[in-house]
Amino acid sequence: MSAPATMPDSGGRGDTAAGAPAQTHTSGAFDLGAAWVLNPKVALRPEPFGALLYHFGTRKLSFLKNLTVVAIVQSLAEQPSAEAALAEHRITHAERPLYLQALGALADSGMITRR
């Protein structure tokens, strides 16, 4: 398994559109113990390089450039916590900071939300 090559790319757009706030997590660190899910307002389109995420509420487009991150995001709805999703994909202790950073960025941008 490879570590995420890059963070989700927002394409330069802000987190809000038409005055609507993006759904975010409010803590400074990503909560691994919480149950997360792909935001229902977000479409995920798999691509050979990873995936495109489009948020219909904020009109924000993000690129996931790592297939393991895509698989983790897709499995969040089936797992009791983000911790369980990382374990399912055999993310090692050394790899965790990169994946936590990616998940935190997705949560901050409203692409994933708490269940």
PDB file of N, CA and C in Angstrom:
ATOM      1  N   MET A   1       0.826  -1.173   0.000  1.00  0.00           N
ATOM      2  CA  MET A   1       0.000   0.000   0.000  1.00  0.00           C
ATOM      3  C   MET A   1       0.870   1.236   0.000  1.00  0.00           C
ATOM      4  N   SER A   2       0.471   2.179  -0.777  1.00  0.00           N
ATOM      5  CA  SER A   2       1.255   3.403  -0.840  1.00  0.00           C
ATOM      6  C   SER A   2       0.600   4.487  -0.002  1.00  0.00           C
ATOM      7  N   ALA A   3       1.404   5.420   0.431  1.00  0.00           N
ATOM      8  CA  ALA A   3       0.891   6.557   1.187  1.00  0.00           C
ATOM      9  C   ALA A   3       0.274   7.548   0.221  1.00  0.00           C
ATOM     10  N   PRO A   4      -0.636   8.408   0.707  1.00  0.00           N
ATOM     11  CA  PRO A   4      -1.254   9.378  -0.182  1.00  0.00           C
ATOM     12  C   PRO A   4      -0.195  10.261  -0.830  1.00  0.00           C
ATOM     13  N   ALA A   5      -0.255  10.381  -2.140  1.00  0.00           N
ATOM     14  CA  ALA A   5       0.705  11.214  -2.857  1.00  0.00           C
ATOM     15  C   ALA A   5       0.413  12.683  -2.643  1.00  0.00           C
ATOM     16  N   THR A   6      -0.857  13.018  -2.558  1.00  0.00           N
ATOM     17  CA  THR A   6      -1.231  14.417  -2.368  1.00  0.00           C
ATOM     18  C   THR A   6      -2.501  14.501  -1.548  1.00  0.00           C
ATOM     19  N   MET A   7      -2.749  15.687  -1.096  1.00  0.00           N
ATOM     20  CA  MET A   7      -3.989  15.961  -0.370  1.00  0.00           C
ATOM     21  C   MET A   7      -5.099  16.205  -1.374  1.00  0.00           C
ATOM     22  N   PRO A   8      -6.369  16.116  -0.939  1.00  0.00           N
ATOM     23  CA  PRO A   8      -7.451  16.474  -1.841  1.00  0.00           C
ATOM     24  C   PRO A   8      -7.235  17.899  -2.342  1.00  0.00           C
ATOM     25  N   ASP A   9      -7.442  18.108  -3.617  1.00  0.00           N
ATOM     26  CA  ASP A   9      -7.223  19.402  -4.241  1.00  0.00           C
ATOM     27  C   ASP A   9      -8.563  20.072  -4.475  1.00  0.00           C
ATOM     28  N   SER A  10      -8.723  21.278  -3.950  1.00  0.00           N
ATOM     29  CA  SER A  10     -10.004  21.966  -4.048  1.00  0.00           C
ATOM     30  C   SER A  10     -10.162  22.751  -5.333  1.00  0.00           C
ATOM     31  N   GLY A  11      -9.147  22.835  -6.149  1.00  0.00           N
ATOM     32  CA  GLY A  11      -9.256  23.591  -7.378  1.00  0.00           C
ATOM     33  C   GLY A  11      -9.337  25.081  -7.133  1.00  0.00           C
ATOM     34  N   GLY A  12      -8.933  25.535  -5.933  1.00  0.00           N
ATOM     35  CA  GLY A  12      -8.909  26.950  -5.637  1.00  0.00           C
ATOM     36  C   GLY A  12     -10.223  27.523  -5.176  1.00  0.00           C
ATOM     37  N   ARG A  13     -11.269  26.739  -5.052  1.00  0.00           N
ATOM     38  CA  ARG A  13     -12.569  27.243  -4.625  1.00  0.00           C
ATOM     39  C   ARG A  13     -12.603  27.347  -3.105  1.00  0.00           C
ATOM     40  N   GLY A  14     -13.422  28.236  -2.599  1.00  0.00           N
ATOM     41  CA  GLY A  14     -13.598  28.383  -1.162  1.00  0.00           C
ATOM     42  C   GLY A  14     -14.461  27.276  -0.613  1.00  0.00           C
ATOM     43  N   ASP A  15     -14.630  27.255   0.694  1.00  0.00           N
ATOM     44  CA  ASP A  15     -15.429  26.219   1.335  1.00  0.00           C
ATOM     45  C   ASP A  15     -16.918  26.510   1.311  1.00  0.00           C
ATOM     46  N   THR A  16     -17.324  27.690   0.900  1.00  0.00           N
ATOM     47  CA  THR A  16     -18.743  27.996   0.865  1.00  0.00           C
ATOM     48  C   THR A  16     -19.122  28.540  -0.496  1.00  0.00           C
ATOM     49  N   ALA A  17     -20.375  28.351  -0.829  1.00  0.00           N
ATOM     50  CA  ALA A  17     -20.909  28.907  -2.069  1.00  0.00           C
ATOM     51  C   ALA A  17     -22.283  29.455  -1.768  1.00  0.00           C
ATOM     52  N   ALA A  18     -22.607  30.594  -2.309  1.00  0.00           N
ATOM     53  CA  ALA A  18     -23.911  31.230  -2.122  1.00  0.00           C
ATOM     54  C   ALA A  18     -24.242  31.400  -0.647  1.00  0.00           C
ATOM     55  N   GLY A  19     -23.226  31.621   0.179  1.00  0.00           N
ATOM     56  CA  GLY A  19     -23.448  31.889   1.594  1.00  0.00           C
ATOM     57  C   GLY A  19     -23.761  30.671   2.433  1.00  0.00           C
ATOM     58  N   ALA A  20     -23.795  29.481   1.851  1.00  0.00           N
ATOM     59  CA  ALA A  20     -24.104  28.269   2.604  1.00  0.00           C
ATOM     60  C   ALA A  20     -22.833  27.741   3.242  1.00  0.00           C
ATOM     61  N   PRO A  21     -22.833  27.551   4.570  1.00  0.00           N
ATOM     62  CA  PRO A  21     -21.623  27.039   5.210  1.00  0.00           C
ATOM     63  C   PRO A  21     -21.383  25.584   4.853  1.00  0.00           C
ATOM     64  N   ALA A  22     -20.133  25.236   4.707  1.00  0.00           N
ATOM     65  CA  ALA A  22     -19.772  23.845   4.476  1.00  0.00           C
ATOM     66  C   ALA A  22     -19.896  23.086   5.785  1.00  0.00           C
ATOM     67  N   GLN A  23     -20.277  21.806   5.717  1.00  0.00           N
ATOM     68  CA  GLN A  23     -20.316  20.979   6.918  1.00  0.00           C
ATOM     69  C   GLN A  23     -18.890  20.571   7.227  1.00  0.00           C
ATOM     70  N   THR A  24     -18.440  20.868   8.429  1.00  0.00           N
ATOM     71  CA  THR A  24     -17.075  20.548   8.798  1.00  0.00           C
ATOM     72  C   THR A  24     -17.053  19.882  10.153  1.00  0.00           C
ATOM     73  N   HIS A  25     -15.925  19.305  10.471  1.00  0.00           N
ATOM     74  CA  HIS A  25     -15.729  18.871  11.844  1.00  0.00           C
ATOM     75  C   HIS A  25     -15.053  20.033  12.547  1.00  0.00           C
ATOM     76  N   THR A  26     -15.298  20.182  13.835  1.00  0.00           N
ATOM     77  CA  THR A  26     -14.863  21.393  14.505  1.00  0.00           C
ATOM     78  C   THR A  26     -13.615  21.232  15.348  1.00  0.00           C
ATOM     79  N   SER A  27     -13.182  20.028  15.576  1.00  0.00           N
ATOM     80  CA  SER A  27     -11.987  19.862  16.398  1.00  0.00           C
ATOM     81  C   SER A  27     -10.748  20.112  15.556  1.00  0.00           C
ATOM     82  N   GLY A  28      -9.628  20.371  16.225  1.00  0.00           N
ATOM     83  CA  GLY A  28      -8.390  20.623  15.519  1.00  0.00           C
ATOM     84  C   GLY A  28      -7.797  19.369  14.908  1.00  0.00           C
ATOM     85  N   ALA A  29      -8.171  18.197  15.408  1.00  0.00           N
ATOM     86  CA  ALA A  29      -7.641  16.938  14.905  1.00  0.00           C
ATOM     87  C   ALA A  29      -8.796  16.055  14.446  1.00  0.00           C
ATOM     88  N   PHE A  30      -8.537  15.248  13.463  1.00  0.00           N
ATOM     89  CA  PHE A  30      -9.556  14.333  12.951  1.00  0.00           C
ATOM     90  C   PHE A  30      -9.889  13.297  14.017  1.00  0.00           C
ATOM     91  N   ASP A  31     -11.170  13.061  14.271  1.00  0.00           N
ATOM     92  CA  ASP A  31     -11.627  12.124  15.298  1.00  0.00           C
ATOM     93  C   ASP A  31     -11.738  10.717  14.713  1.00  0.00           C
ATOM     94  N   LEU A  32     -10.720   9.907  14.979  1.00  0.00           N
ATOM     95  CA  LEU A  32     -10.696   8.532  14.479  1.00  0.00           C
ATOM     96  C   LEU A  32     -11.774   7.654  15.095  1.00  0.00           C
ATOM     97  N   GLY A  33     -12.202   7.981  16.300  1.00  0.00           N
ATOM     98  CA  GLY A  33     -13.191   7.161  16.982  1.00  0.00           C
ATOM     99  C   GLY A  33     -14.611   7.391  16.500  1.00  0.00           C
ATOM    100  N   ALA A  34     -14.825   8.454  15.745  1.00  0.00           N
ATOM    101  CA  ALA A  34     -16.164   8.777  15.267  1.00  0.00           C
ATOM    102  C   ALA A  34     -16.504   7.982  14.015  1.00  0.00           C
ATOM    103  N   ALA A  35     -17.796   7.839  13.793  1.00  0.00           N
ATOM    104  CA  ALA A  35     -18.287   7.208  12.567  1.00  0.00           C
ATOM    105  C   ALA A  35     -18.431   8.296  11.507  1.00  0.00           C
ATOM    106  N   TRP A  36     -17.868   8.075  10.339  1.00  0.00           N
ATOM    107  CA  TRP A  36     -17.876   9.045   9.248  1.00  0.00           C
ATOM    108  C   TRP A  36     -18.531   8.435   8.027  1.00  0.00           C
ATOM    109  N   VAL A  37     -18.957   9.286   7.105  1.00  0.00           N
ATOM    110  CA  VAL A  37     -19.584   8.840   5.874  1.00  0.00           C
ATOM    111  C   VAL A  37     -19.342   9.899   4.804  1.00  0.00           C
ATOM    112  N   LEU A  38     -19.351   9.477   3.560  1.00  0.00           N
ATOM    113  CA  LEU A  38     -19.293  10.431   2.463  1.00  0.00           C
ATOM    114  C   LEU A  38     -20.541  11.304   2.560  1.00  0.00           C
ATOM    115  N   ASN A  39     -20.368  12.609   2.507  1.00  0.00           N
ATOM    116  CA  ASN A  39     -21.490  13.540   2.600  1.00  0.00           C
ATOM    117  C   ASN A  39     -22.523  13.182   1.527  1.00  0.00           C
ATOM    118  N   PRO A  40     -23.813  13.119   1.884  1.00  0.00           N
ATOM    119  CA  PRO A  40     -24.828  12.780   0.880  1.00  0.00           C
ATOM    120  C   PRO A  40     -24.901  13.788  -0.270  1.00  0.00           C
ATOM    121  N   LYS A  41     -24.349  14.976  -0.077  1.00  0.00           N
ATOM    122  CA  LYS A  41     -24.331  15.983  -1.140  1.00  0.00           C
ATOM    123  C   LYS A  41     -23.091  15.868  -2.030  1.00  0.00           C
ATOM    124  N   VAL A  42     -22.306  14.813  -1.810  1.00  0.00           N
ATOM    125  CA  VAL A  42     -21.058  14.628  -2.552  1.00  0.00           C
ATOM    126  C   VAL A  42     -21.160  13.410  -3.462  1.00  0.00           C
ATOM    127  N   ALA A  43     -20.731  13.602  -4.704  1.00  0.00           N
ATOM    128  CA  ALA A  43     -20.627  12.491  -5.645  1.00  0.00           C
ATOM    129  C   ALA A  43     -19.156  12.110  -5.761  1.00  0.00           C
ATOM    130  N   LEU A  44     -18.890  10.823  -5.697  1.00  0.00           N
ATOM    131  CA  LEU A  44     -17.538  10.300  -5.863  1.00  0.00           C
ATOM    132  C   LEU A  44     -17.495   9.558  -7.185  1.00  0.00           C
ATOM    133  N   ARG A  45     -16.592   9.980  -8.066  1.00  0.00           N
ATOM    134  CA  ARG A  45     -16.436   9.312  -9.357  1.00  0.00           C
ATOM    135  C   ARG A  45     -15.044   8.705  -9.426  1.00  0.00           C
ATOM    136  N   PRO A  46     -14.953   7.373  -9.390  1.00  0.00           N
ATOM    137  CA  PRO A  46     -13.643   6.720  -9.500  1.00  0.00           C
ATOM    138  C   PRO A  46     -12.983   7.056 -10.838  1.00  0.00           C
ATOM    139  N   GLU A  47     -11.684   7.227 -10.788  1.00  0.00           N
ATOM    140  CA  GLU A  47     -10.861   7.507 -11.963  1.00  0.00           C
ATOM    141  C   GLU A  47      -9.601   6.647 -11.866  1.00  0.00           C
ATOM    142  N   PRO A  48      -8.874   6.449 -12.965  1.00  0.00           N
ATOM    143  CA  PRO A  48      -7.649   5.647 -12.909  1.00  0.00           C
ATOM    144  C   PRO A  48      -6.627   6.184 -11.904  1.00  0.00           C
ATOM    145  N   PHE A  49      -6.585   7.490 -11.686  1.00  0.00           N
ATOM    146  CA  PHE A  49      -5.618   8.092 -10.767  1.00  0.00           C
ATOM    147  C   PHE A  49      -6.109   8.103  -9.326  1.00  0.00           C
ATOM    148  N   GLY A  50      -7.390   7.834  -9.091  1.00  0.00           N
ATOM    149  CA  GLY A  50      -7.992   7.915  -7.758  1.00  0.00           C
ATOM    150  C   GLY A  50      -9.472   8.175  -7.876  1.00  0.00           C
ATOM    151  N   ALA A  51      -9.878   9.439  -7.652  1.00  0.00           N
ATOM    152  CA  ALA A  51     -11.299   9.776  -7.765  1.00  0.00           C
ATOM    153  C   ALA A  51     -11.489  11.279  -7.809  1.00  0.00           C
ATOM    154  N   LEU A  52     -12.627  11.667  -8.357  1.00  0.00           N
ATOM    155  CA  LEU A  52     -13.093  13.045  -8.293  1.00  0.00           C
ATOM    156  C   LEU A  52     -14.221  13.091  -7.278  1.00  0.00           C
ATOM    157  N   LEU A  53     -14.212  14.111  -6.446  1.00  0.00           N
ATOM    158  CA  LEU A  53     -15.302  14.345  -5.503  1.00  0.00           C
ATOM    159  C   LEU A  53     -15.923  15.685  -5.860  1.00  0.00           C
ATOM    160  N   TYR A  54     -17.247  15.712  -5.994  1.00  0.00           N
ATOM    161  CA  TYR A  54     -17.931  16.972  -6.280  1.00  0.00           C
ATOM    162  C   TYR A  54     -19.004  17.185  -5.226  1.00  0.00           C
ATOM    163  N   HIS A  55     -18.953  18.340  -4.554  1.00  0.00           N
ATOM    164  CA  HIS A  55     -19.931  18.699  -3.527  1.00  0.00           C
ATOM    165  C   HIS A  55     -20.989  19.583  -4.174  1.00  0.00           C
ATOM    166  N   PHE A  56     -22.202  19.077  -4.265  1.00  0.00           N
ATOM    167  CA  PHE A  56     -23.275  19.814  -4.927  1.00  0.00           C
ATOM    168  C   PHE A  56     -23.735  21.030  -4.132  1.00  0.00           C
ATOM    169  N   GLY A  57     -23.497  21.055  -2.832  1.00  0.00           N
ATOM    170  CA  GLY A  57     -23.882  22.208  -2.013  1.00  0.00           C
ATOM    171  C   GLY A  57     -22.919  23.379  -2.153  1.00  0.00           C
ATOM    172  N   THR A  58     -21.628  23.076  -2.125  1.00  0.00           N
ATOM    173  CA  THR A  58     -20.614  24.133  -2.185  1.00  0.00           C
ATOM    174  C   THR A  58     -20.030  24.299  -3.584  1.00  0.00           C
ATOM    175  N   ARG A  59     -20.334  23.359  -4.469  1.00  0.00           N
ATOM    176  CA  ARG A  59     -19.785  23.302  -5.828  1.00  0.00           C
ATOM    177  C   ARG A  59     -18.268  23.137  -5.825  1.00  0.00           C
ATOM    178  N   LYS A  60     -17.772  22.530  -4.774  1.00  0.00           N
ATOM    179  CA  LYS A  60     -16.340  22.301  -4.630  1.00  0.00           C
ATOM    180  C   LYS A  60     -15.953  20.976  -5.285  1.00  0.00           C
ATOM    181  N   LEU A  61     -14.872  21.002  -6.031  1.00  0.00           N
ATOM    182  CA  LEU A  61     -14.335  19.815  -6.689  1.00  0.00           C
ATOM    183  C   LEU A  61     -13.014  19.461  -6.038  1.00  0.00           C
ATOM    184  N   SER A  62     -12.859  18.204  -5.662  1.00  0.00           N
ATOM    185  CA  SER A  62     -11.604  17.723  -5.078  1.00  0.00           C
ATOM    186  C   SER A  62     -11.138  16.498  -5.836  1.00  0.00           C
ATOM    187  N   PHE A  63      -9.831  16.316  -5.842  1.00  0.00           N
ATOM    188  CA  PHE A  63      -9.218  15.168  -6.479  1.00  0.00           C
ATOM    189  C   PHE A  63      -8.564  14.308  -5.410  1.00  0.00           C
ATOM    190  N   LEU A  64      -8.865  13.030  -5.419  1.00  0.00           N
ATOM    191  CA  LEU A  64      -8.159  12.078  -4.570  1.00  0.00           C
ATOM    192  C   LEU A  64      -7.183  11.348  -5.476  1.00  0.00           C
ATOM    193  N   LYS A  65      -5.906  11.494  -5.184  1.00  0.00           N
ATOM    194  CA  LYS A  65      -4.881  10.945  -6.069  1.00  0.00           C
ATOM    195  C   LYS A  65      -4.224   9.697  -5.485  1.00  0.00           C
ATOM    196  N   ASN A  66      -4.996   8.969  -4.697  1.00  0.00           N
ATOM    197  CA  ASN A  66      -4.484   7.756  -4.075  1.00  0.00           C
ATOM    198  C   ASN A  66      -5.627   6.757  -3.975  1.00  0.00           C
ATOM    199  N   LEU A  67      -5.466   5.583  -4.552  1.00  0.00           N
ATOM    200  CA  LEU A  67      -6.536   4.590  -4.571  1.00  0.00           C
ATOM    201  C   LEU A  67      -6.886   4.072  -3.181  1.00  0.00           C
ATOM    202  N   THR A  68      -5.905   4.036  -2.275  1.00  0.00           N
ATOM    203  CA  THR A  68      -6.188   3.575  -0.920  1.00  0.00           C
ATOM    204  C   THR A  68      -7.072   4.572  -0.190  1.00  0.00           C
ATOM    205  N   VAL A  69      -6.829   5.865  -0.367  1.00  0.00           N
ATOM    206  CA  VAL A  69      -7.695   6.885   0.245  1.00  0.00           C
ATOM    207  C   VAL A  69      -9.113   6.740  -0.296  1.00  0.00           C
ATOM    208  N   VAL A  70      -9.243   6.514  -1.592  1.00  0.00           N
ATOM    209  CA  VAL A  70     -10.569   6.323  -2.196  1.00  0.00           C
ATOM    210  C   VAL A  70     -11.263   5.134  -1.543  1.00  0.00           C
ATOM    211  N   ALA A  71     -10.554   4.030  -1.405  1.00  0.00           N
ATOM    212  CA  ALA A  71     -11.136   2.826  -0.801  1.00  0.00           C
ATOM    213  C   ALA A  71     -11.545   3.077   0.650  1.00  0.00           C
ATOM    214  N   ILE A  72     -10.734   3.809   1.388  1.00  0.00           N
ATOM    215  CA  ILE A  72     -11.068   4.126   2.784  1.00  0.00           C
ATOM    216  C   ILE A  72     -12.329   4.972   2.836  1.00  0.00           C
ATOM    217  N   VAL A  73     -12.396   6.009   2.016  1.00  0.00           N
ATOM    218  CA  VAL A  73     -13.578   6.881   1.994  1.00  0.00           C
ATOM    219  C   VAL A  73     -14.824   6.074   1.629  1.00  0.00           C
ATOM    220  N   GLN A  74     -14.709   5.197   0.663  1.00  0.00           N
ATOM    221  CA  GLN A  74     -15.856   4.381   0.260  1.00  0.00           C
ATOM    222  C   GLN A  74     -16.286   3.408   1.355  1.00  0.00           C
ATOM    223  N   SER A  75     -15.356   2.992   2.198  1.00  0.00           N
ATOM    224  CA  SER A  75     -15.693   2.019   3.242  1.00  0.00           C
ATOM    225  C   SER A  75     -16.169   2.666   4.544  1.00  0.00           C
ATOM    226  N   LEU A  76     -16.057   3.973   4.675  1.00  0.00           N
ATOM    227  CA  LEU A  76     -16.433   4.635   5.930  1.00  0.00           C
ATOM    228  C   LEU A  76     -17.865   4.318   6.356  1.00  0.00           C
ATOM    229  N   ALA A  77     -18.790   4.278   5.415  1.00  0.00           N
ATOM    230  CA  ALA A  77     -20.203   4.035   5.752  1.00  0.00           C
ATOM    231  C   ALA A  77     -20.434   2.645   6.335  1.00  0.00           C
ATOM    232  N   GLU A  78     -19.551   1.706   6.008  1.00  0.00           N
ATOM    233  CA  GLU A  78     -19.708   0.324   6.464  1.00  0.00           C
ATOM    234  C   GLU A  78     -18.980   0.041   7.770  1.00  0.00           C
ATOM    235  N   GLN A  79     -18.196   0.983   8.235  1.00  0.00           N
ATOM    236  CA  GLN A  79     -17.366   0.768   9.421  1.00  0.00           C
ATOM    237  C   GLN A  79     -17.904   1.554  10.611  1.00  0.00           C
ATOM    238  N   PRO A  80     -17.702   1.044  11.825  1.00  0.00           N
ATOM    239  CA  PRO A  80     -18.187   1.754  13.013  1.00  0.00           C
ATOM    240  C   PRO A  80     -17.398   3.022  13.331  1.00  0.00           C
ATOM    241  N   SER A  81     -16.195   3.147  12.762  1.00  0.00           N
ATOM    242  CA  SER A  81     -15.360   4.325  13.017  1.00  0.00           C
ATOM    243  C   SER A  81     -14.331   4.465  11.899  1.00  0.00           C
ATOM    244  N   ALA A  82     -13.718   5.632  11.845  1.00  0.00           N
ATOM    245  CA  ALA A  82     -12.623   5.831  10.891  1.00  0.00           C
ATOM    246  C   ALA A  82     -11.453   4.919  11.242  1.00  0.00           C
ATOM    247  N   GLU A  83     -11.248   4.696  12.532  1.00  0.00           N
ATOM    248  CA  GLU A  83     -10.195   3.780  12.991  1.00  0.00           C
ATOM    249  C   GLU A  83     -10.392   2.395  12.380  1.00  0.00           C
ATOM    250  N   ALA A  84     -11.631   1.910  12.383  1.00  0.00           N
ATOM    251  CA  ALA A  84     -11.932   0.594  11.812  1.00  0.00           C
ATOM    252  C   ALA A  84     -11.699   0.582  10.305  1.00  0.00           C
ATOM    253  N   ALA A  85     -11.995   1.695   9.636  1.00  0.00           N
ATOM    254  CA  ALA A  85     -11.757   1.777   8.189  1.00  0.00           C
ATOM    255  C   ALA A  85     -10.260   1.708   7.886  1.00  0.00           C
ATOM    256  N   LEU A  86      -9.447   2.394   8.690  1.00  0.00           N
ATOM    257  CA  LEU A  86      -7.995   2.315   8.494  1.00  0.00           C
ATOM    258  C   LEU A  86      -7.492   0.898   8.745  1.00  0.00           C
ATOM    259  N   ALA A  87      -8.009   0.259   9.780  1.00  0.00           N
ATOM    260  CA  ALA A  87      -7.594  -1.112  10.096  1.00  0.00           C
ATOM    261  C   ALA A  87      -7.988  -2.071   8.974  1.00  0.00           C
ATOM    262  N   GLU A  88      -9.176  -1.873   8.409  1.00  0.00           N
ATOM    263  CA  GLU A  88      -9.635  -2.733   7.321  1.00  0.00           C
ATOM    264  C   GLU A  88      -8.672  -2.670   6.126  1.00  0.00           C
ATOM    265  N   HIS A  89      -8.080  -1.517   5.903  1.00  0.00           N
ATOM    266  CA  HIS A  89      -7.174  -1.343   4.771  1.00  0.00           C
ATOM    267  C   HIS A  89      -5.707  -1.492   5.165  1.00  0.00           C
ATOM    268  N   ARG A  90      -5.489  -2.029   6.361  1.00  0.00           N
ATOM    269  CA  ARG A  90      -4.144  -2.361   6.854  1.00  0.00           C
ATOM    270  C   ARG A  90      -3.170  -1.183   6.798  1.00  0.00           C
ATOM    271  N   ILE A  91      -3.654  -0.029   7.254  1.00  0.00           N
ATOM    272  CA  ILE A  91      -2.800   1.154   7.305  1.00  0.00           C
ATOM    273  C   ILE A  91      -1.883   0.993   8.520  1.00  0.00           C
ATOM    274  N   THR A  92      -0.592   1.051   8.293  1.00  0.00           N
ATOM    275  CA  THR A  92       0.379   0.852   9.369  1.00  0.00           C
ATOM    276  C   THR A  92       0.489   2.111  10.227  1.00  0.00           C
ATOM    277  N   HIS A  93       1.095   1.939  11.381  1.00  0.00           N
ATOM    278  CA  HIS A  93       1.304   3.069  12.292  1.00  0.00           C
ATOM    279  C   HIS A  93       2.118   4.169  11.603  1.00  0.00           C
ATOM    280  N   ALA A  94       3.101   3.799  10.827  1.00  0.00           N
ATOM    281  CA  ALA A  94       3.946   4.775  10.134  1.00  0.00           C
ATOM    282  C   ALA A  94       3.174   5.529   9.049  1.00  0.00           C
ATOM    283  N   GLU A  95       2.189   4.884   8.430  1.00  0.00           N
ATOM    284  CA  GLU A  95       1.400   5.512   7.367  1.00  0.00           C
ATOM    285  C   GLU A  95       0.259   6.389   7.901  1.00  0.00           C
ATOM    286  N   ARG A  96      -0.141   6.150   9.137  1.00  0.00           N
ATOM    287  CA  ARG A  96      -1.328   6.808   9.687  1.00  0.00           C
ATOM    288  C   ARG A  96      -1.335   8.332   9.582  1.00  0.00           C
ATOM    289  N   PRO A  97      -0.249   9.032   9.884  1.00  0.00           N
ATOM    290  CA  PRO A  97      -0.320  10.500   9.817  1.00  0.00           C
ATOM    291  C   PRO A  97      -0.748  11.027   8.442  1.00  0.00           C
ATOM    292  N   LEU A  98      -0.284  10.402   7.383  1.00  0.00           N
ATOM    293  CA  LEU A  98      -0.669  10.847   6.042  1.00  0.00           C
ATOM    294  C   LEU A  98      -2.153  10.618   5.776  1.00  0.00           C
ATOM    295  N   TYR A  99      -2.669   9.469   6.199  1.00  0.00           N
ATOM    296  CA  TYR A  99      -4.077   9.174   5.980  1.00  0.00           C
ATOM    297  C   TYR A  99      -4.962  10.023   6.896  1.00  0.00           C
ATOM    298  N   LEU A 100      -4.508  10.275   8.106  1.00  0.00           N
ATOM    299  CA  LEU A 100      -5.266  11.168   8.997  1.00  0.00           C
ATOM    300  C   LEU A 100      -5.328  12.575   8.428  1.00  0.00           C
ATOM    301  N   GLN A 101      -4.234  13.022   7.839  1.00  0.00           N
ATOM    302  CA  GLN A 101      -4.208  14.344   7.217  1.00  0.00           C
ATOM    303  C   GLN A 101      -5.198  14.398   6.050  1.00  0.00           C
ATOM    304  N   ALA A 102      -5.227  13.361   5.233  1.00  0.00           N
ATOM    305  CA  ALA A 102      -6.156  13.314   4.095  1.00  0.00           C
ATOM    306  C   ALA A 102      -7.603  13.293   4.580  1.00  0.00           C
ATOM    307  N   LEU A 103      -7.907  12.457   5.579  1.00  0.00           N
ATOM    308  CA  LEU A 103      -9.270  12.396   6.106  1.00  0.00           C
ATOM    309  C   LEU A 103      -9.670  13.709   6.774  1.00  0.00           C
ATOM    310  N   GLY A 104      -8.733  14.328   7.486  1.00  0.00           N
ATOM    311  CA  GLY A 104      -9.005  15.619   8.108  1.00  0.00           C
ATOM    312  C   GLY A 104      -9.320  16.687   7.078  1.00  0.00           C
ATOM    313  N   ALA A 105      -8.587  16.695   5.978  1.00  0.00           N
ATOM    314  CA  ALA A 105      -8.854  17.668   4.911  1.00  0.00           C
ATOM    315  C   ALA A 105     -10.223  17.423   4.284  1.00  0.00           C
ATOM    316  N   LEU A 106     -10.589  16.163   4.113  1.00  0.00           N
ATOM    317  CA  LEU A 106     -11.915  15.847   3.571  1.00  0.00           C
ATOM    318  C   LEU A 106     -13.020  16.270   4.541  1.00  0.00           C
ATOM    319  N   ALA A 107     -12.790  16.086   5.825  1.00  0.00           N
ATOM    320  CA  ALA A 107     -13.771  16.511   6.821  1.00  0.00           C
ATOM    321  C   ALA A 107     -13.873  18.037   6.868  1.00  0.00           C
ATOM    322  N   ASP A 108     -12.737  18.715   6.835  1.00  0.00           N
ATOM    323  CA  ASP A 108     -12.727  20.179   6.863  1.00  0.00           C
ATOM    324  C   ASP A 108     -13.458  20.776   5.667  1.00  0.00           C
ATOM    325  N   SER A 109     -13.367  20.122   4.525  1.00  0.00           N
ATOM    326  CA  SER A 109     -14.011  20.642   3.319  1.00  0.00           C
ATOM    327  C   SER A 109     -15.460  20.187   3.185  1.00  0.00           C
ATOM    328  N   GLY A 110     -15.937  19.357   4.124  1.00  0.00           N
ATOM    329  CA  GLY A 110     -17.318  18.899   4.090  1.00  0.00           C
ATOM    330  C   GLY A 110     -17.563  17.737   3.154  1.00  0.00           C
ATOM    331  N   MET A 111     -16.500  17.135   2.625  1.00  0.00           N
ATOM    332  CA  MET A 111     -16.676  16.001   1.722  1.00  0.00           C
ATOM    333  C   MET A 111     -17.105  14.749   2.483  1.00  0.00           C
ATOM    334  N   ILE A 112     -16.598  14.597   3.709  1.00  0.00           N
ATOM    335  CA  ILE A 112     -17.080  13.536   4.599  1.00  0.00           C
ATOM    336  C   ILE A 112     -17.652  14.203   5.825  1.00  0.00           C
ATOM    337  N   THR A 113     -18.640  13.573   6.439  1.00  0.00           N
ATOM    338  CA  THR A 113     -19.285  14.119   7.629  1.00  0.00           C
ATOM    339  C   THR A 113     -19.470  13.009   8.658  1.00  0.00           C
ATOM    340  N   ARG A 114     -19.663  13.444   9.892  1.00  0.00           N
ATOM    341  CA  ARG A 114     -19.949  12.455  10.953  1.00  0.00           C
ATOM    342  C   ARG A 114     -21.310  11.825  10.688  1.00  0.00           C
ATOM    343  N   ARG A 115     -21.374  10.529  10.990  1.00  0.00           N
ATOM    344  CA  ARG A 115     -22.638   9.813  10.860  1.00  0.00           C
ATOM    345  C   ARG A 115     -23.498  10.056  12.062  1.00  0.00           C
TER     346      ARG A 115
END
